[in-house]
C-alpha atoms as a PDB file:
ATOM      1  CA  UNK A   1     128.978 109.877  92.035  1.00  0.00           C
ATOM      2  CA  UNK A   2     125.248 110.537  91.525  1.00  0.00           C
ATOM      3  CA  UNK A   3     123.360 108.552  88.905  1.00  0.00           C
ATOM      4  CA  UNK A   4     121.673 110.727  86.244  1.00  0.00           C
ATOM      5  CA  UNK A   5     118.525 108.567  86.270  1.00  0.00           C
ATOM      6  CA  UNK A   6     118.335 108.947  90.053  1.00  0.00           C
ATOM      7  CA  UNK A   7     118.640 112.716  89.692  1.00  0.00           C
ATOM      8  CA  UNK A   8     115.982 112.943  86.979  1.00  0.00           C
ATOM      9  CA  UNK A   9     113.476 110.733  88.766  1.00  0.00           C
ATOM     10  CA  UNK A  10     113.911 112.354  92.196  1.00  0.00           C
ATOM     11  CA  UNK A  11     114.172 116.074  91.429  1.00  0.00           C
ATOM     12  CA  UNK A  12     110.702 116.625  92.865  1.00  0.00           C
ATOM     13  CA  UNK A  13     111.606 114.920  96.131  1.00  0.00           C
ATOM     14  CA  UNK A  14     114.823 116.953  96.315  1.00  0.00           C
ATOM     15  CA  UNK A  15     112.855 120.183  95.899  1.00  0.00           C
ATOM     16  CA  UNK A  16     110.320 119.128  98.551  1.00  0.00           C
ATOM     17  CA  UNK A  17     113.216 118.428 100.935  1.00  0.00           C
ATOM     18  CA  UNK A  18     113.715 122.168 101.450  1.00  0.00           C
ATOM     19  CA  UNK A  19     110.080 122.642 102.447  1.00  0.00           C
ATOM     20  CA  UNK A  20     109.410 119.381 104.347  1.00  0.00           C
ATOM     21  CA  UNK A  21     112.738 117.600 104.842  1.00  0.00           C
ATOM     22  CA  UNK A  22     111.135 114.375 106.129  1.00  0.00           C
ATOM     23  CA  UNK A  23     109.111 113.613 102.968  1.00  0.00           C
ATOM     24  CA  UNK A  24     112.118 112.318 100.975  1.00  0.00           C
ATOM     25  CA  UNK A  25     113.177 110.301 104.029  1.00  0.00           C
ATOM     26  CA  UNK A  26     109.929 108.365 103.676  1.00  0.00           C
ATOM     27  CA  UNK A  27     109.200 108.442  99.938  1.00  0.00           C
ATOM     28  CA  UNK A  28     112.683 108.333  98.379  1.00  0.00           C
ATOM     29  CA  UNK A  29     114.943 106.757 100.979  1.00  0.00           C
ATOM     30  CA  UNK A  30     116.840 104.774  98.318  1.00  0.00           C
ATOM     31  CA  UNK A  31     117.731 107.880  96.304  1.00  0.00           C
ATOM     32  CA  UNK A  32     121.180 109.246  97.074  1.00  0.00           C
ATOM     33  CA  UNK A  33     120.256 112.539  95.379  1.00  0.00           C
ATOM     34  CA  UNK A  34     117.030 113.036  97.354  1.00  0.00           C
ATOM     35  CA  UNK A  35     118.762 112.051 100.598  1.00  0.00           C
ATOM     36  CA  UNK A  36     121.508 114.620  99.989  1.00  0.00           C
ATOM     37  CA  UNK A  37     118.903 117.356  99.652  1.00  0.00           C
ATOM     38  CA  UNK A  38     116.930 115.970 102.611  1.00  0.00           C
ATOM     39  CA  UNK A  39     120.109 116.379 104.672  1.00  0.00           C
ATOM     40  CA  UNK A  40     120.474 119.962 103.448  1.00  0.00           C
ATOM     41  CA  UNK A  41     116.807 120.608 104.256  1.00  0.00           C
ATOM     42  CA  UNK A  42     117.164 119.154 107.754  1.00  0.00           C
ATOM     43  CA  UNK A  43     120.264 121.268 108.398  1.00  0.00           C
ATOM     44  CA  UNK A  44     118.405 124.351 107.193  1.00  0.00           C
ATOM     45  CA  UNK A  45     115.389 123.516 109.380  1.00  0.00           C
ATOM     46  CA  UNK A  46     117.546 123.074 112.491  1.00  0.00           C
ATOM     47  CA  UNK A  47     119.348 126.345 111.788  1.00  0.00           C
ATOM     48  CA  UNK A  48     115.984 128.099 111.464  1.00  0.00           C
ATOM     49  CA  UNK A  49     114.829 126.737 114.813  1.00  0.00           C
ATOM     50  CA  UNK A  50     118.089 127.581 116.594  1.00  0.00           C
ATOM     51  CA  UNK A  51     118.341 131.085 115.113  1.00  0.00           C
ATOM     52  CA  UNK A  52     114.712 131.903 115.944  1.00  0.00           C
ATOM     53  CA  UNK A  53     114.968 130.630 119.519  1.00  0.00           C
ATOM     54  CA  UNK A  54     118.302 132.296 120.277  1.00  0.00           C
ATOM     55  CA  UNK A  55     117.556 135.640 118.633  1.00  0.00           C
ATOM     56  CA  UNK A  56     114.017 135.621 120.019  1.00  0.00           C
ATOM     57  CA  UNK A  57     115.375 135.373 123.563  1.00  0.00           C
ATOM     58  CA  UNK A  58     117.931 138.179 123.183  1.00  0.00           C
ATOM     59  CA  UNK A  59     116.189 141.513 123.782  1.00  0.00           C
ATOM     60  CA  UNK A  60     116.468 144.356 121.273  1.00  0.00           C
ATOM     61  CA  UNK A  61     119.585 143.300 119.309  1.00  0.00           C
ATOM     62  CA  UNK A  62     118.195 139.812 118.744  1.00  0.00           C
ATOM     63  CA  UNK A  63     114.828 141.216 117.744  1.00  0.00           C
ATOM     64  CA  UNK A  64     116.523 143.503 115.223  1.00  0.00           C
ATOM     65  CA  UNK A  65     118.687 140.711 113.785  1.00  0.00           C
ATOM     66  CA  UNK A  66     115.895 138.119 113.649  1.00  0.00           C
ATOM     67  CA  UNK A  67     114.239 139.356 110.419  1.00  0.00           C
ATOM     68  CA  UNK A  68     117.642 139.604 108.717  1.00  0.00           C
ATOM     69  CA  UNK A  69     118.607 136.095 109.793  1.00  0.00           C
ATOM     70  CA  UNK A  70     115.254 134.727 108.617  1.00  0.00           C
ATOM     71  CA  UNK A  71     115.713 136.460 105.268  1.00  0.00           C
ATOM     72  CA  UNK A  72     119.156 134.869 104.902  1.00  0.00           C
ATOM     73  CA  UNK A  73     117.751 131.426 105.743  1.00  0.00           C
ATOM     74  CA  UNK A  74     114.909 131.949 103.254  1.00  0.00           C
ATOM     75  CA  UNK A  75     117.478 132.803 100.574  1.00  0.00           C
ATOM     76  CA  UNK A  76     119.389 129.604 101.474  1.00  0.00           C
ATOM     77  CA  UNK A  77     116.167 127.627 100.953  1.00  0.00           C
ATOM     78  CA  UNK A  78     115.650 129.245  97.531  1.00  0.00           C
ATOM     79  CA  UNK A  79     119.262 128.438  96.574  1.00  0.00           C
ATOM     80  CA  UNK A  80     118.731 124.822  97.618  1.00  0.00           C
ATOM     81  CA  UNK A  81     115.491 124.538  95.658  1.00  0.00           C
ATOM     82  CA  UNK A  82     117.134 125.985  92.544  1.00  0.00           C
ATOM     83  CA  UNK A  83     120.091 123.592  92.858  1.00  0.00           C
ATOM     84  CA  UNK A  84     117.745 120.618  93.285  1.00  0.00           C
ATOM     85  CA  UNK A  85     115.623 121.680  90.309  1.00  0.00           C
ATOM     86  CA  UNK A  86     118.745 121.913  88.163  1.00  0.00           C
ATOM     87  CA  UNK A  87     119.912 118.476  89.292  1.00  0.00           C
ATOM     88  CA  UNK A  88     122.953 119.843  91.112  1.00  0.00           C
ATOM     89  CA  UNK A  89     124.550 118.524  94.272  1.00  0.00           C
ATOM     90  CA  UNK A  90     125.676 121.835  95.696  1.00  0.00           C
ATOM     91  CA  UNK A  91     125.982 122.582  99.424  1.00  0.00           C
ATOM     92  CA  UNK A  92     124.164 125.546 100.911  1.00  0.00           C
ATOM     93  CA  UNK A  93     126.333 128.529 101.858  1.00  0.00           C
ATOM     94  CA  UNK A  94     127.692 128.497 105.437  1.00  0.00           C
ATOM     95  CA  UNK A  95     125.579 125.557 106.702  1.00  0.00           C
ATOM     96  CA  UNK A  96     125.880 123.109 103.800  1.00  0.00           C
ATOM     97  CA  UNK A  97     129.055 121.410 104.976  1.00  0.00           C
ATOM     98  CA  UNK A  98     127.327 119.552 107.811  1.00  0.00           C
ATOM     99  CA  UNK A  99     126.058 116.010 107.280  1.00  0.00           C
ATOM    100  CA  UNK A 100     123.306 114.982 109.674  1.00  0.00           C
ATOM    101  CA  UNK A 101     121.847 112.090 107.669  1.00  0.00           C
ATOM    102  CA  UNK A 102     123.844 109.173 106.303  1.00  0.00           C
END
């Protein structure tokens, strides 16, 4: 499914995708491996924005849950970076099933 030479040559772009999801969209748009991780990074970014906006608006309970949700999303980013560094195509927990980029 994923070419081993593609994985080896684009591991760096896949790792960057979890920090700045748009970089692989520009620099490695022909890499299926980098695009997979760019999709995971974009999904993670959108979840971060949505969670922070929604929980930031909700008084008290949202403010209590916000640090926990951000910690969970940070852990998801670490899991994605580790998977990319190991050359794995592994979806993130909970949010990894969604495909936003083709």
